PDB file of N, CA and C in Angstrom:
ATOM      1  N   MET A   1      48.036  35.388  17.855  1.00  0.00           N
ATOM      2  CA  MET A   1      48.861  34.347  17.254  1.00  0.00           C
ATOM      3  C   MET A   1      50.295  34.465  17.775  1.00  0.00           C
ATOM      4  N   LYS A   2      50.876  33.322  18.043  1.00  0.00           N
ATOM      5  CA  LYS A   2      52.228  33.283  18.599  1.00  0.00           C
ATOM      6  C   LYS A   2      53.269  33.530  17.514  1.00  0.00           C
ATOM      7  N   LYS A   3      54.373  34.116  17.939  1.00  0.00           N
ATOM      8  CA  LYS A   3      55.489  34.356  17.025  1.00  0.00           C
ATOM      9  C   LYS A   3      56.206  33.037  16.751  1.00  0.00           C
ATOM     10  N   LYS A   4      56.772  32.937  15.561  1.00  0.00           N
ATOM     11  CA  LYS A   4      57.505  31.735  15.182  1.00  0.00           C
ATOM     12  C   LYS A   4      58.873  31.724  15.865  1.00  0.00           C
ATOM     13  N   ILE A   5      59.273  30.554  16.335  1.00  0.00           N
ATOM     14  CA  ILE A   5      60.594  30.411  16.946  1.00  0.00           C
ATOM     15  C   ILE A   5      61.618  30.306  15.819  1.00  0.00           C
ATOM     16  N   PRO A   6      62.633  31.157  15.820  1.00  0.00           N
ATOM     17  CA  PRO A   6      63.620  31.110  14.733  1.00  0.00           C
ATOM     18  C   PRO A   6      64.489  29.852  14.792  1.00  0.00           C
ATOM     19  N   LYS A   7      65.124  29.556  13.684  1.00  0.00           N
ATOM     20  CA  LYS A   7      66.120  28.473  13.627  1.00  0.00           C
ATOM     21  C   LYS A   7      67.425  29.053  14.154  1.00  0.00           C
ATOM     22  N   PHE A   8      68.112  28.275  14.963  1.00  0.00           N
ATOM     23  CA  PHE A   8      69.352  28.756  15.562  1.00  0.00           C
ATOM     24  C   PHE A   8      70.548  28.019  14.964  1.00  0.00           C
ATOM     25  N   LYS A   9      71.657  28.763  14.797  1.00  0.00           N
ATOM     26  CA  LYS A   9      72.882  28.175  14.247  1.00  0.00           C
ATOM     27  C   LYS A   9      73.510  27.199  15.227  1.00  0.00           C
ATOM     28  N   ASN A  10      73.388  27.538  16.517  1.00  0.00           N
ATOM     29  CA  ASN A  10      74.000  26.699  17.550  1.00  0.00           C
ATOM     30  C   ASN A  10      73.341  26.992  18.897  1.00  0.00           C
ATOM     31  N   GLU A  11      73.751  26.264  19.898  1.00  0.00           N
ATOM     32  CA  GLU A  11      73.169  26.417  21.224  1.00  0.00           C
ATOM     33  C   GLU A  11      73.452  27.799  21.822  1.00  0.00           C
ATOM     34  N   LYS A  12      74.629  28.330  21.538  1.00  0.00           N
ATOM     35  CA  LYS A  12      74.977  29.660  22.046  1.00  0.00           C
ATOM     36  C   LYS A  12      74.005  30.714  21.505  1.00  0.00           C
ATOM     37  N   ALA A  13      73.692  30.627  20.218  1.00  0.00           N
ATOM     38  CA  ALA A  13      72.757  31.573  19.606  1.00  0.00           C
ATOM     39  C   ALA A  13      71.368  31.428  20.223  1.00  0.00           C
ATOM     40  N   GLU A  14      70.968  30.195  20.486  1.00  0.00           N
ATOM     41  CA  GLU A  14      69.657  29.971  21.102  1.00  0.00           C
ATOM     42  C   GLU A  14      69.610  30.542  22.514  1.00  0.00           C
ATOM     43  N   ARG A  15      70.669  30.326  23.276  1.00  0.00           N
ATOM     44  CA  ARG A  15      70.735  30.890  24.635  1.00  0.00           C
ATOM     45  C   ARG A  15      70.643  32.408  24.602  1.00  0.00           C
ATOM     46  N   SER A  16      71.354  33.017  23.670  1.00  0.00           N
ATOM     47  CA  SER A  16      71.336  34.475  23.548  1.00  0.00           C
ATOM     48  C   SER A  16      69.932  34.976  23.223  1.00  0.00           C
ATOM     49  N   PHE A  17      69.248  34.264  22.332  1.00  0.00           N
ATOM     50  CA  PHE A  17      67.895  34.647  21.957  1.00  0.00           C
ATOM     51  C   PHE A  17      66.956  34.603  23.163  1.00  0.00           C
ATOM     52  N   TRP A  18      66.947  33.475  23.874  1.00  0.00           N
ATOM     53  CA  TRP A  18      66.008  33.311  24.995  1.00  0.00           C
ATOM     54  C   TRP A  18      66.372  34.182  26.185  1.00  0.00           C
ATOM     55  N   ALA A  19      67.581  34.665  26.243  1.00  0.00           N
ATOM     56  CA  ALA A  19      67.981  35.560  27.329  1.00  0.00           C
ATOM     57  C   ALA A  19      67.271  36.902  27.232  1.00  0.00           C
ATOM     58  N   VAL A  20      66.839  37.276  26.020  1.00  0.00           N
ATOM     59  CA  VAL A  20      66.210  38.586  25.841  1.00  0.00           C
ATOM     60  C   VAL A  20      64.772  38.503  25.296  1.00  0.00           C
ATOM     61  N   HIS A  21      64.247  37.289  25.093  1.00  0.00           N
ATOM     62  CA  HIS A  21      62.889  37.127  24.585  1.00  0.00           C
ATOM     63  C   HIS A  21      62.054  36.323  25.581  1.00  0.00           C
ATOM     64  N   ASP A  22      60.783  36.643  25.663  1.00  0.00           N
ATOM     65  CA  ASP A  22      59.857  35.937  26.545  1.00  0.00           C
ATOM     66  C   ASP A  22      59.285  34.737  25.797  1.00  0.00           C
ATOM     67  N   SER A  23      59.423  33.555  26.369  1.00  0.00           N
ATOM     68  CA  SER A  23      58.924  32.352  25.705  1.00  0.00           C
ATOM     69  C   SER A  23      57.411  32.382  25.520  1.00  0.00           C
ATOM     70  N   ALA A  24      56.701  33.126  26.368  1.00  0.00           N
ATOM     71  CA  ALA A  24      55.237  33.215  26.258  1.00  0.00           C
ATOM     72  C   ALA A  24      54.806  33.879  24.944  1.00  0.00           C
ATOM     73  N   ASP A  25      55.696  34.643  24.334  1.00  0.00           N
ATOM     74  CA  ASP A  25      55.385  35.252  23.034  1.00  0.00           C
ATOM     75  C   ASP A  25      55.450  34.221  21.907  1.00  0.00           C
ATOM     76  N   HIS A  26      56.094  33.080  22.172  1.00  0.00           N
ATOM     77  CA  HIS A  26      56.330  32.085  21.125  1.00  0.00           C
ATOM     78  C   HIS A  26      55.656  30.746  21.392  1.00  0.00           C
ATOM     79  N   ILE A  27      55.302  30.488  22.638  1.00  0.00           N
ATOM     80  CA  ILE A  27      54.773  29.171  23.025  1.00  0.00           C
ATOM     81  C   ILE A  27      53.474  29.349  23.790  1.00  0.00           C
ATOM     82  N   ASP A  28      52.466  28.559  23.449  1.00  0.00           N
ATOM     83  CA  ASP A  28      51.206  28.571  24.189  1.00  0.00           C
ATOM     84  C   ASP A  28      51.345  27.602  25.355  1.00  0.00           C
ATOM     85  N   TRP A  29      51.738  28.120  26.501  1.00  0.00           N
ATOM     86  CA  TRP A  29      52.015  27.277  27.668  1.00  0.00           C
ATOM     87  C   TRP A  29      50.756  26.623  28.224  1.00  0.00           C
ATOM     88  N   SER A  30      49.560  27.111  27.850  1.00  0.00           N
ATOM     89  CA  SER A  30      48.331  26.474  28.339  1.00  0.00           C
ATOM     90  C   SER A  30      48.148  25.088  27.719  1.00  0.00           C
ATOM     91  N   LYS A  31      48.827  24.824  26.616  1.00  0.00           N
ATOM     92  CA  LYS A  31      48.748  23.515  25.957  1.00  0.00           C
ATOM     93  C   LYS A  31      49.923  22.610  26.330  1.00  0.00           C
ATOM     94  N   ALA A  32      50.765  23.086  27.203  1.00  0.00           N
ATOM     95  CA  ALA A  32      51.951  22.309  27.582  1.00  0.00           C
ATOM     96  C   ALA A  32      51.543  21.081  28.386  1.00  0.00           C
ATOM     97  N   LYS A  33      52.299  20.023  28.228  1.00  0.00           N
ATOM     98  CA  LYS A  33      52.081  18.794  28.979  1.00  0.00           C
ATOM     99  C   LYS A  33      53.277  18.569  29.890  1.00  0.00           C
ATOM    100  N   LYS A  34      53.006  18.022  31.044  1.00  0.00           N
ATOM    101  CA  LYS A  34      54.085  17.740  31.981  1.00  0.00           C
ATOM    102  C   LYS A  34      54.934  16.596  31.435  1.00  0.00           C
ATOM    103  N   ALA A  35      56.226  16.793  31.410  1.00  0.00           N
ATOM    104  CA  ALA A  35      57.147  15.777  30.919  1.00  0.00           C
ATOM    105  C   ALA A  35      57.787  15.058  32.099  1.00  0.00           C
ATOM    106  N   VAL A  36      57.993  13.769  31.926  1.00  0.00           N
ATOM    107  CA  VAL A  36      58.654  12.960  32.952  1.00  0.00           C
ATOM    108  C   VAL A  36      59.880  12.331  32.308  1.00  0.00           C
ATOM    109  N   PHE A  37      61.006  12.476  32.973  1.00  0.00           N
ATOM    110  CA  PHE A  37      62.255  11.916  32.486  1.00  0.00           C
ATOM    111  C   PHE A  37      62.797  10.952  33.539  1.00  0.00           C
ATOM    112  N   PRO A  38      62.294   9.730  33.566  1.00  0.00           N
ATOM    113  CA  PRO A  38      62.646   8.810  34.652  1.00  0.00           C
ATOM    114  C   PRO A  38      64.108   8.380  34.671  1.00  0.00           C
ATOM    115  N   ASN A  39      64.800   8.499  33.559  1.00  0.00           N
ATOM    116  CA  ASN A  39      66.186   8.020  33.514  1.00  0.00           C
ATOM    117  C   ASN A  39      67.221   9.101  33.785  1.00  0.00           C
ATOM    118  N   LEU A  40      66.761  10.342  34.036  1.00  0.00           N
ATOM    119  CA  LEU A  40      67.712  11.403  34.336  1.00  0.00           C
ATOM    120  C   LEU A  40      68.245  11.231  35.743  1.00  0.00           C
ATOM    121  N   ARG A  41      69.506  11.458  35.892  1.00  0.00           N
ATOM    122  CA  ARG A  41      70.125  11.382  37.206  1.00  0.00           C
ATOM    123  C   ARG A  41      70.552  12.785  37.604  1.00  0.00           C
ATOM    124  N   PRO A  42      70.348  13.124  38.873  1.00  0.00           N
ATOM    125  CA  PRO A  42      70.763  14.465  39.289  1.00  0.00           C
ATOM    126  C   PRO A  42      72.273  14.633  39.198  1.00  0.00           C
ATOM    127  N   THR A  43      72.694  15.854  38.933  1.00  0.00           N
ATOM    128  CA  THR A  43      74.114  16.146  38.910  1.00  0.00           C
ATOM    129  C   THR A  43      74.659  16.022  40.325  1.00  0.00           C
ATOM    130  N   LEU A  44      75.729  15.306  40.460  1.00  0.00           N
ATOM    131  CA  LEU A  44      76.321  15.096  41.772  1.00  0.00           C
ATOM    132  C   LEU A  44      77.567  15.945  41.923  1.00  0.00           C
ATOM    133  N   LYS A  45      77.797  16.385  43.137  1.00  0.00           N
ATOM    134  CA  LYS A  45      79.000  17.143  43.439  1.00  0.00           C
ATOM    135  C   LYS A  45      79.608  16.538  44.691  1.00  0.00           C
ATOM    136  N   SER A  46      80.874  16.220  44.623  1.00  0.00           N
ATOM    137  CA  SER A  46      81.572  15.669  45.774  1.00  0.00           C
ATOM    138  C   SER A  46      81.904  16.782  46.757  1.00  0.00           C
ATOM    139  N   ILE A  47      81.746  16.461  48.030  1.00  0.00           N
ATOM    140  CA  ILE A  47      82.143  17.393  49.074  1.00  0.00           C
ATOM    141  C   ILE A  47      83.000  16.649  50.081  1.00  0.00           C
ATOM    142  N   SER A  48      83.734  17.388  50.841  1.00  0.00           N
ATOM    143  CA  SER A  48      84.516  16.812  51.920  1.00  0.00           C
ATOM    144  C   SER A  48      83.814  17.191  53.217  1.00  0.00           C
ATOM    145  N   LEU A  49      83.515  16.200  54.023  1.00  0.00           N
ATOM    146  CA  LEU A  49      82.770  16.430  55.252  1.00  0.00           C
ATOM    147  C   LEU A  49      83.467  15.698  56.388  1.00  0.00           C
ATOM    148  N   ARG A  50      83.867  16.409  57.403  1.00  0.00           N
ATOM    149  CA  ARG A  50      84.526  15.798  58.546  1.00  0.00           C
ATOM    150  C   ARG A  50      83.483  15.452  59.600  1.00  0.00           C
ATOM    151  N   LEU A  51      83.417  14.159  59.919  1.00  0.00           N
ATOM    152  CA  LEU A  51      82.488  13.670  60.930  1.00  0.00           C
ATOM    153  C   LEU A  51      83.261  12.890  61.981  1.00  0.00           C
ATOM    154  N   PRO A  52      82.762  12.877  63.208  1.00  0.00           N
ATOM    155  CA  PRO A  52      83.419  12.052  64.224  1.00  0.00           C
ATOM    156  C   PRO A  52      83.383  10.572  63.809  1.00  0.00           C
ATOM    157  N   LYS A  53      84.447   9.862  64.081  1.00  0.00           N
ATOM    158  CA  LYS A  53      84.530   8.446  63.726  1.00  0.00           C
ATOM    159  C   LYS A  53      83.358   7.668  64.305  1.00  0.00           C
ATOM    160  N   SER A  54      82.975   7.995  65.536  1.00  0.00           N
ATOM    161  CA  SER A  54      81.861   7.276  66.166  1.00  0.00           C
ATOM    162  C   SER A  54      80.562   7.465  65.377  1.00  0.00           C
ATOM    163  N   MET A  55      80.350   8.661  64.822  1.00  0.00           N
ATOM    164  CA  MET A  55      79.147   8.908  64.030  1.00  0.00           C
ATOM    165  C   MET A  55      79.162   8.074  62.754  1.00  0.00           C
ATOM    166  N   ILE A  56      80.314   7.990  62.117  1.00  0.00           N
ATOM    167  CA  ILE A  56      80.442   7.182  60.899  1.00  0.00           C
ATOM    168  C   ILE A  56      80.224   5.709  61.226  1.00  0.00           C
ATOM    169  N   ASP A  57      80.778   5.254  62.341  1.00  0.00           N
ATOM    170  CA  ASP A  57      80.594   3.862  62.748  1.00  0.00           C
ATOM    171  C   ASP A  57      79.112   3.560  62.980  1.00  0.00           C
ATOM    172  N   GLU A  58      78.410   4.470  63.658  1.00  0.00           N
ATOM    173  CA  GLU A  58      76.982   4.273  63.902  1.00  0.00           C
ATOM    174  C   GLU A  58      76.194   4.299  62.596  1.00  0.00           C
ATOM    175  N   LEU A  59      76.574   5.172  61.698  1.00  0.00           N
ATOM    176  CA  LEU A  59      75.926   5.244  60.398  1.00  0.00           C
ATOM    177  C   LEU A  59      76.128   3.949  59.621  1.00  0.00           C
ATOM    178  N   ARG A  60      77.320   3.389  59.701  1.00  0.00           N
ATOM    179  CA  ARG A  60      77.608   2.112  59.027  1.00  0.00           C
ATOM    180  C   ARG A  60      76.740   0.982  59.596  1.00  0.00           C
ATOM    181  N   VAL A  61      76.545   0.974  60.906  1.00  0.00           N
ATOM    182  CA  VAL A  61      75.706  -0.057  61.535  1.00  0.00           C
ATOM    183  C   VAL A  61      74.268   0.075  61.036  1.00  0.00           C
ATOM    184  N   LEU A  62      73.755   1.307  61.033  1.00  0.00           N
ATOM    185  CA  LEU A  62      72.392   1.536  60.550  1.00  0.00           C
ATOM    186  C   LEU A  62      72.248   1.153  59.072  1.00  0.00           C
ATOM    187  N   ALA A  63      73.232   1.511  58.282  1.00  0.00           N
ATOM    188  CA  ALA A  63      73.204   1.195  56.853  1.00  0.00           C
ATOM    189  C   ALA A  63      73.255  -0.308  56.634  1.00  0.00           C
ATOM    190  N   ASN A  64      74.065  -1.002  57.434  1.00  0.00           N
ATOM    191  CA  ASN A  64      74.181  -2.452  57.313  1.00  0.00           C
ATOM    192  C   ASN A  64      72.840  -3.117  57.608  1.00  0.00           C
ATOM    193  N   LYS A  65      72.112  -2.613  58.603  1.00  0.00           N
ATOM    194  CA  LYS A  65      70.792  -3.166  58.932  1.00  0.00           C
ATOM    195  C   LYS A  65      69.823  -3.007  57.767  1.00  0.00           C
ATOM    196  N   ARG A  66      69.996  -1.952  56.995  1.00  0.00           N
ATOM    197  CA  ARG A  66      69.106  -1.687  55.852  1.00  0.00           C
ATOM    198  C   ARG A  66      69.670  -2.240  54.548  1.00  0.00           C
ATOM    199  N   ASP A  67      70.867  -2.790  54.614  1.00  0.00           N
ATOM    200  CA  ASP A  67      71.541  -3.364  53.446  1.00  0.00           C
ATOM    201  C   ASP A  67      71.742  -2.318  52.340  1.00  0.00           C
ATOM    202  N   VAL A  68      72.204  -1.141  52.759  1.00  0.00           N
ATOM    203  CA  VAL A  68      72.536  -0.081  51.806  1.00  0.00           C
ATOM    204  C   VAL A  68      73.912   0.474  52.169  1.00  0.00           C
ATOM    205  N   PRO A  69      74.624   1.055  51.230  1.00  0.00           N
ATOM    206  CA  PRO A  69      75.899   1.692  51.559  1.00  0.00           C
ATOM    207  C   PRO A  69      75.669   2.866  52.524  1.00  0.00           C
ATOM    208  N   TYR A  70      76.608   3.087  53.429  1.00  0.00           N
ATOM    209  CA  TYR A  70      76.417   4.125  54.431  1.00  0.00           C
ATOM    210  C   TYR A  70      76.313   5.517  53.818  1.00  0.00           C
ATOM    211  N   GLN A  71      77.005   5.757  52.710  1.00  0.00           N
ATOM    212  CA  GLN A  71      76.904   7.071  52.075  1.00  0.00           C
ATOM    213  C   GLN A  71      75.513   7.289  51.480  1.00  0.00           C
ATOM    214  N   SER A  72      74.915   6.222  50.962  1.00  0.00           N
ATOM    215  CA  SER A  72      73.543   6.324  50.443  1.00  0.00           C
ATOM    216  C   SER A  72      72.568   6.607  51.573  1.00  0.00           C
ATOM    217  N   LEU A  73      72.764   5.947  52.704  1.00  0.00           N
ATOM    218  CA  LEU A  73      71.903   6.186  53.858  1.00  0.00           C
ATOM    219  C   LEU A  73      72.050   7.632  54.338  1.00  0.00           C
ATOM    220  N   LEU A  74      73.254   8.130  54.355  1.00  0.00           N
ATOM    221  CA  LEU A  74      73.484   9.510  54.754  1.00  0.00           C
ATOM    222  C   LEU A  74      72.743  10.472  53.816  1.00  0.00           C
ATOM    223  N   LYS A  75      72.779  10.200  52.506  1.00  0.00           N
ATOM    224  CA  LYS A  75      72.048  11.041  51.552  1.00  0.00           C
ATOM    225  C   LYS A  75      70.547  10.959  51.805  1.00  0.00           C
ATOM    226  N   MET A  76      70.039   9.769  52.124  1.00  0.00           N
ATOM    227  CA  MET A  76      68.615   9.626  52.426  1.00  0.00           C
ATOM    228  C   MET A  76      68.245  10.438  53.664  1.00  0.00           C
ATOM    229  N   PHE A  77      69.059  10.350  54.714  1.00  0.00           N
ATOM    230  CA  PHE A  77      68.803  11.107  55.940  1.00  0.00           C
ATOM    231  C   PHE A  77      68.799  12.608  55.663  1.00  0.00           C
ATOM    232  N   LEU A  78      69.774  13.056  54.882  1.00  0.00           N
ATOM    233  CA  LEU A  78      69.854  14.482  54.557  1.00  0.00           C
ATOM    234  C   LEU A  78      68.640  14.928  53.740  1.00  0.00           C
ATOM    235  N   ALA A  79      68.236  14.118  52.768  1.00  0.00           N
ATOM    236  CA  ALA A  79      67.084  14.468  51.933  1.00  0.00           C
ATOM    237  C   ALA A  79      65.818  14.569  52.779  1.00  0.00           C
ATOM    238  N   GLU A  80      65.638  13.635  53.700  1.00  0.00           N
ATOM    239  CA  GLU A  80      64.458  13.665  54.575  1.00  0.00           C
ATOM    240  C   GLU A  80      64.459  14.915  55.439  1.00  0.00           C
ATOM    241  N   ARG A  81      65.597  15.246  55.996  1.00  0.00           N
ATOM    242  CA  ARG A  81      65.677  16.412  56.873  1.00  0.00           C
ATOM    243  C   ARG A  81      65.479  17.717  56.095  1.00  0.00           C
ATOM    244  N   ILE A  82      66.059  17.789  54.908  1.00  0.00           N
ATOM    245  CA  ILE A  82      65.891  18.988  54.080  1.00  0.00           C
ATOM    246  C   ILE A  82      64.417  19.177  53.734  1.00  0.00           C
ATOM    247  N   ALA A  83      63.748  18.088  53.348  1.00  0.00           N
ATOM    248  CA  ALA A  83      62.316  18.162  53.015  1.00  0.00           C
ATOM    249  C   ALA A  83      61.510  18.628  54.235  1.00  0.00           C
ATOM    250  N   LYS A  84      61.849  18.105  55.404  1.00  0.00           N
ATOM    251  CA  LYS A  84      61.145  18.497  56.630  1.00  0.00           C
ATOM    252  C   LYS A  84      61.356  19.979  56.935  1.00  0.00           C
ATOM    253  N   GLU A  85      62.579  20.457  56.806  1.00  0.00           N
ATOM    254  CA  GLU A  85      62.889  21.864  57.085  1.00  0.00           C
ATOM    255  C   GLU A  85      62.171  22.787  56.085  1.00  0.00           C
ATOM    256  N   LEU A  86      62.082  22.364  54.847  1.00  0.00           N
ATOM    257  CA  LEU A  86      61.427  23.193  53.829  1.00  0.00           C
ATOM    258  C   LEU A  86      59.925  23.270  54.050  1.00  0.00           C
ATOM    259  N   ARG A  87      59.346  22.240  54.636  1.00  0.00           N
ATOM    260  CA  ARG A  87      57.903  22.243  54.936  1.00  0.00           C
ATOM    261  C   ARG A  87      57.591  23.139  56.133  1.00  0.00           C
ATOM    262  N   ALA A  88      58.564  23.329  57.023  1.00  0.00           N
ATOM    263  CA  ALA A  88      58.335  24.083  58.265  1.00  0.00           C
ATOM    264  C   ALA A  88      58.175  25.559  58.016  1.00  0.00           C
TER     265      ALA A  88
END
């Protein structure tokens, strides 16, 4: 039988508890269901990236052909390449 999960005063107390306790002692993970959160957006972080002007101009042309902002196209290109590298 699984242990009961205690009531927590606040999020800090809950974090402290789970930092030293195994969730498998309290939760039957074999009954877990996969959750989908379609409206969650990934956390974004701004970076500064220096690119040659000609590369940006070419990226803008490609983005214009696809009717997307050039920064979005750049993110798509990066995501595709990262996925490819991780598969290799």
